[in-house]
Amino acid sequence: MNYTIQKMTEEAAREILSWTYPVPYDLYNGEVTEESLQEFAENLYYAIEQEGNLVGFYCTGFVAQVPIGYLFQAYPEGYLDIGLGMRPDLTGQGRGMGFMQFIIDSIETNQPLRLTVAAFNKRANALYEKFGFRKVSAFKNANDVEFFVMTREEGNKPCSG
């Protein structure tokens, strides 16, 4: 599977924000608003394509964090936060390894990596563990959804295990 990375466009952002995930993954559903489009435009978001079709995205920096995590001191300095999403109709089909590897290979940093994932998202949790991410903390949002904060000390270097 050959992926390519593109700078995020308004068209791609609108498409991503229109994606509809099934329950319980609907937590990841977006909404096309001026505010959400502005977030995509002003932050480090990248579109991932395959054969010219939008298949996912990733972002880096504070925008990849769950804001309420700050109340729990979940985000100490010294890490590069990453967030990612795959088009809903492509999830659960064994595509995660190649998709995640492409994202990690695309990130240029010497910093350790950190991501935040909903605890109920067992598929994503298992995938991230295969890439060397380890759970370091957990917190719940106002809707009582638990999130895990996971770190990978190797940064974007290949995992040895």
Protein backbone atom coordinates (compact mmCIF):
# COMPACT_ATOMS: atom_id res chain seq x y z
CA MET A 1 0.00 0.00 0.00
CA ASN A 2 1.66 3.17 -1.16
CA TYR A 3 0.59 6.22 0.78
CA THR A 4 1.43 9.82 -0.01
CA ILE A 5 1.29 12.82 2.25
CA GLN A 6 -0.27 16.08 1.17
CA LYS A 7 -0.59 19.44 2.81
CA MET A 8 -4.08 19.69 4.29
CA THR A 9 -6.49 21.56 2.03
CA GLU A 10 -9.90 22.95 2.89
CA GLU A 11 -11.46 20.34 0.61
CA ALA A 12 -9.70 17.49 2.46
CA ALA A 13 -10.56 19.01 5.85
CA ARG A 14 -14.24 19.23 4.87
CA GLU A 15 -14.21 15.59 3.80
CA ILE A 16 -12.52 14.43 7.02
CA LEU A 17 -14.92 16.44 9.17
CA SER A 18 -17.81 14.77 7.33
CA TRP A 19 -16.65 11.23 8.08
CA THR A 20 -19.13 9.23 10.17
CA TYR A 21 -17.84 6.48 12.43
CA PRO A 22 -20.14 3.80 13.90
CA VAL A 23 -20.88 3.62 17.64
CA PRO A 24 -18.79 3.61 19.84
CA TYR A 25 -16.23 5.18 17.50
CA ASP A 26 -18.62 8.07 16.81
CA LEU A 27 -16.62 9.92 19.46
CA TYR A 28 -14.26 10.66 16.54
CA ASN A 29 -16.95 12.20 14.31
CA GLY A 30 -16.28 15.78 13.32
CA GLU A 31 -18.49 18.61 12.24
CA VAL A 32 -17.87 21.06 9.40
CA THR A 33 -17.85 24.47 11.08
CA GLU A 34 -15.78 27.60 10.52
CA GLU A 35 -14.01 26.86 13.82
CA SER A 36 -13.11 23.28 12.87
CA LEU A 37 -11.94 24.32 9.39
CA GLN A 38 -9.81 27.04 10.98
CA GLU A 39 -8.25 24.45 13.31
CA PHE A 40 -7.23 22.32 10.32
CA ALA A 41 -5.86 25.39 8.48
CA GLU A 42 -3.88 26.85 11.37
CA ASN A 43 -2.30 23.69 12.78
CA LEU A 44 -0.01 20.93 11.56
CA TYR A 45 -2.52 18.64 9.84
CA TYR A 46 -1.56 16.44 6.90
CA ALA A 47 -3.77 14.51 4.49
CA ILE A 48 -2.84 10.92 3.63
CA GLU A 49 -3.78 9.66 0.19
CA GLN A 50 -3.60 6.34 -1.57
CA GLU A 51 -3.96 6.26 -5.36
CA GLY A 52 -5.25 9.84 -5.24
CA ASN A 53 -7.96 9.08 -2.67
CA LEU A 54 -8.06 10.58 0.81
CA VAL A 55 -7.67 7.69 3.27
CA GLY A 56 -6.65 9.42 6.49
CA PHE A 57 -4.81 12.22 8.20
CA TYR A 58 -2.44 12.98 11.01
CA CYS A 59 -1.58 16.02 13.07
CA THR A 60 1.23 16.96 15.42
CA GLY A 61 1.60 19.27 18.38
CA PHE A 62 -0.87 20.43 20.99
CA VAL A 63 -3.80 19.98 18.59
CA ALA A 64 -3.30 16.20 18.98
CA GLN A 65 -4.00 16.43 22.72
CA VAL A 66 -7.37 16.04 24.44
CA PRO A 67 -7.77 19.47 26.10
CA ILE A 68 -9.14 18.23 29.44
CA GLY A 69 -5.95 16.19 29.85
CA TYR A 70 -4.22 19.34 31.09
CA LEU A 71 -6.31 19.21 34.25
CA PHE A 72 -4.68 15.84 34.97
CA GLN A 73 -1.13 16.93 34.04
CA ALA A 74 -1.25 14.35 31.24
CA TYR A 75 1.03 16.29 28.90
CA PRO A 76 4.45 17.10 30.37
CA GLU A 77 6.91 18.77 27.99
CA GLY A 78 9.50 16.85 26.00
CA TYR A 79 7.23 14.86 23.68
CA LEU A 80 5.81 15.38 20.22
CA ASP A 81 2.09 14.65 20.29
CA ILE A 82 0.56 12.94 17.29
CA GLY A 83 -3.05 12.39 16.36
CA LEU A 84 -4.38 10.36 13.46
CA GLY A 85 -7.49 9.10 11.81
CA MET A 86 -8.38 6.66 9.06
CA ARG A 87 -11.42 6.93 6.81
CA PRO A 88 -14.21 4.99 8.56
CA ASP A 89 -14.87 2.50 5.74
CA LEU A 90 -11.21 1.44 5.82
CA THR A 91 -10.95 0.67 9.55
CA GLY A 92 -10.96 -2.85 10.95
CA GLN A 93 -9.48 -4.36 7.77
CA GLY A 94 -5.88 -4.92 8.82
CA ARG A 95 -4.61 -1.68 7.26
CA GLY A 96 -3.42 -0.15 10.52
CA MET A 97 0.17 -1.42 10.50
CA GLY A 98 1.07 0.08 7.13
CA PHE A 99 -0.86 3.27 7.86
CA MET A 100 0.82 3.79 11.24
CA GLN A 101 4.27 2.96 9.86
CA PHE A 102 3.80 5.54 7.11
CA ILE A 103 2.84 8.20 9.65
CA ILE A 104 5.77 7.45 11.95
CA ASP A 105 8.16 7.45 8.98
CA SER A 106 6.75 10.83 7.86
CA ILE A 107 7.34 12.55 11.19
CA GLU A 108 10.73 14.21 11.41
CA THR A 109 11.68 14.49 15.06
CA ASN A 110 14.21 13.28 17.59
CA GLN A 111 11.67 13.73 20.38
CA PRO A 112 9.82 10.82 21.92
CA LEU A 113 6.28 10.49 20.55
CA ARG A 114 3.04 10.69 22.51
CA LEU A 115 -0.57 10.04 21.58
CA THR A 116 -3.92 9.97 23.32
CA VAL A 117 -6.48 7.28 22.54
CA ALA A 118 -9.91 6.38 23.86
CA ALA A 119 -9.59 3.41 26.22
CA PHE A 120 -12.47 1.58 24.51
CA ASN A 121 -10.64 1.68 21.16
CA LYS A 122 -9.05 -1.75 21.62
CA ARG A 123 -7.91 -2.03 17.99
CA ALA A 124 -6.00 1.24 18.14
CA ASN A 125 -4.54 0.46 21.58
CA ALA A 126 -3.23 -2.89 20.34
CA LEU A 127 -1.78 -1.29 17.21
CA TYR A 128 0.02 1.44 19.16
CA GLU A 129 1.50 -1.14 21.53
CA LYS A 130 2.90 -3.02 18.51
CA PHE A 131 4.70 0.20 17.60
CA GLY A 132 6.30 0.51 21.03
CA PHE A 133 3.85 2.93 22.64
CA ARG A 134 3.25 2.31 26.34
CA LYS A 135 0.43 3.60 28.52
CA VAL A 136 1.73 6.21 30.96
CA SER A 137 -1.48 7.78 32.27
CA ALA A 138 -5.25 7.86 31.95
CA PHE A 139 -8.00 10.41 32.49
CA LYS A 140 -11.72 10.82 31.81
CA ASN A 141 -13.46 13.63 29.99
CA ALA A 142 -16.69 15.35 31.03
CA ASN A 143 -18.70 12.57 29.33
CA ASP A 144 -16.92 9.92 31.44
CA VAL A 145 -14.96 8.60 28.43
CA GLU A 146 -11.58 7.29 29.54
CA PHE A 147 -8.46 8.15 27.54
CA PHE A 148 -5.00 6.60 27.68
CA VAL A 149 -1.89 8.70 27.14
CA MET A 150 0.77 6.54 25.50
CA THR A 151 4.42 7.35 24.79
CA ARG A 152 7.11 5.91 22.56
CA GLU A 153 10.59 6.81 23.71
CA GLU A 154 12.19 5.82 20.38
CA GLY A 155 10.57 8.78 18.58
CA ASN A 156 10.30 7.98 14.88
CA LYS A 157 13.11 5.43 14.87
CA PRO A 158 12.07 1.86 13.94
CA CYS A 159 11.01 -0.32 16.86
CA SER A 160 13.38 -3.13 17.75
CA GLY A 161 10.62 -5.46 18.88
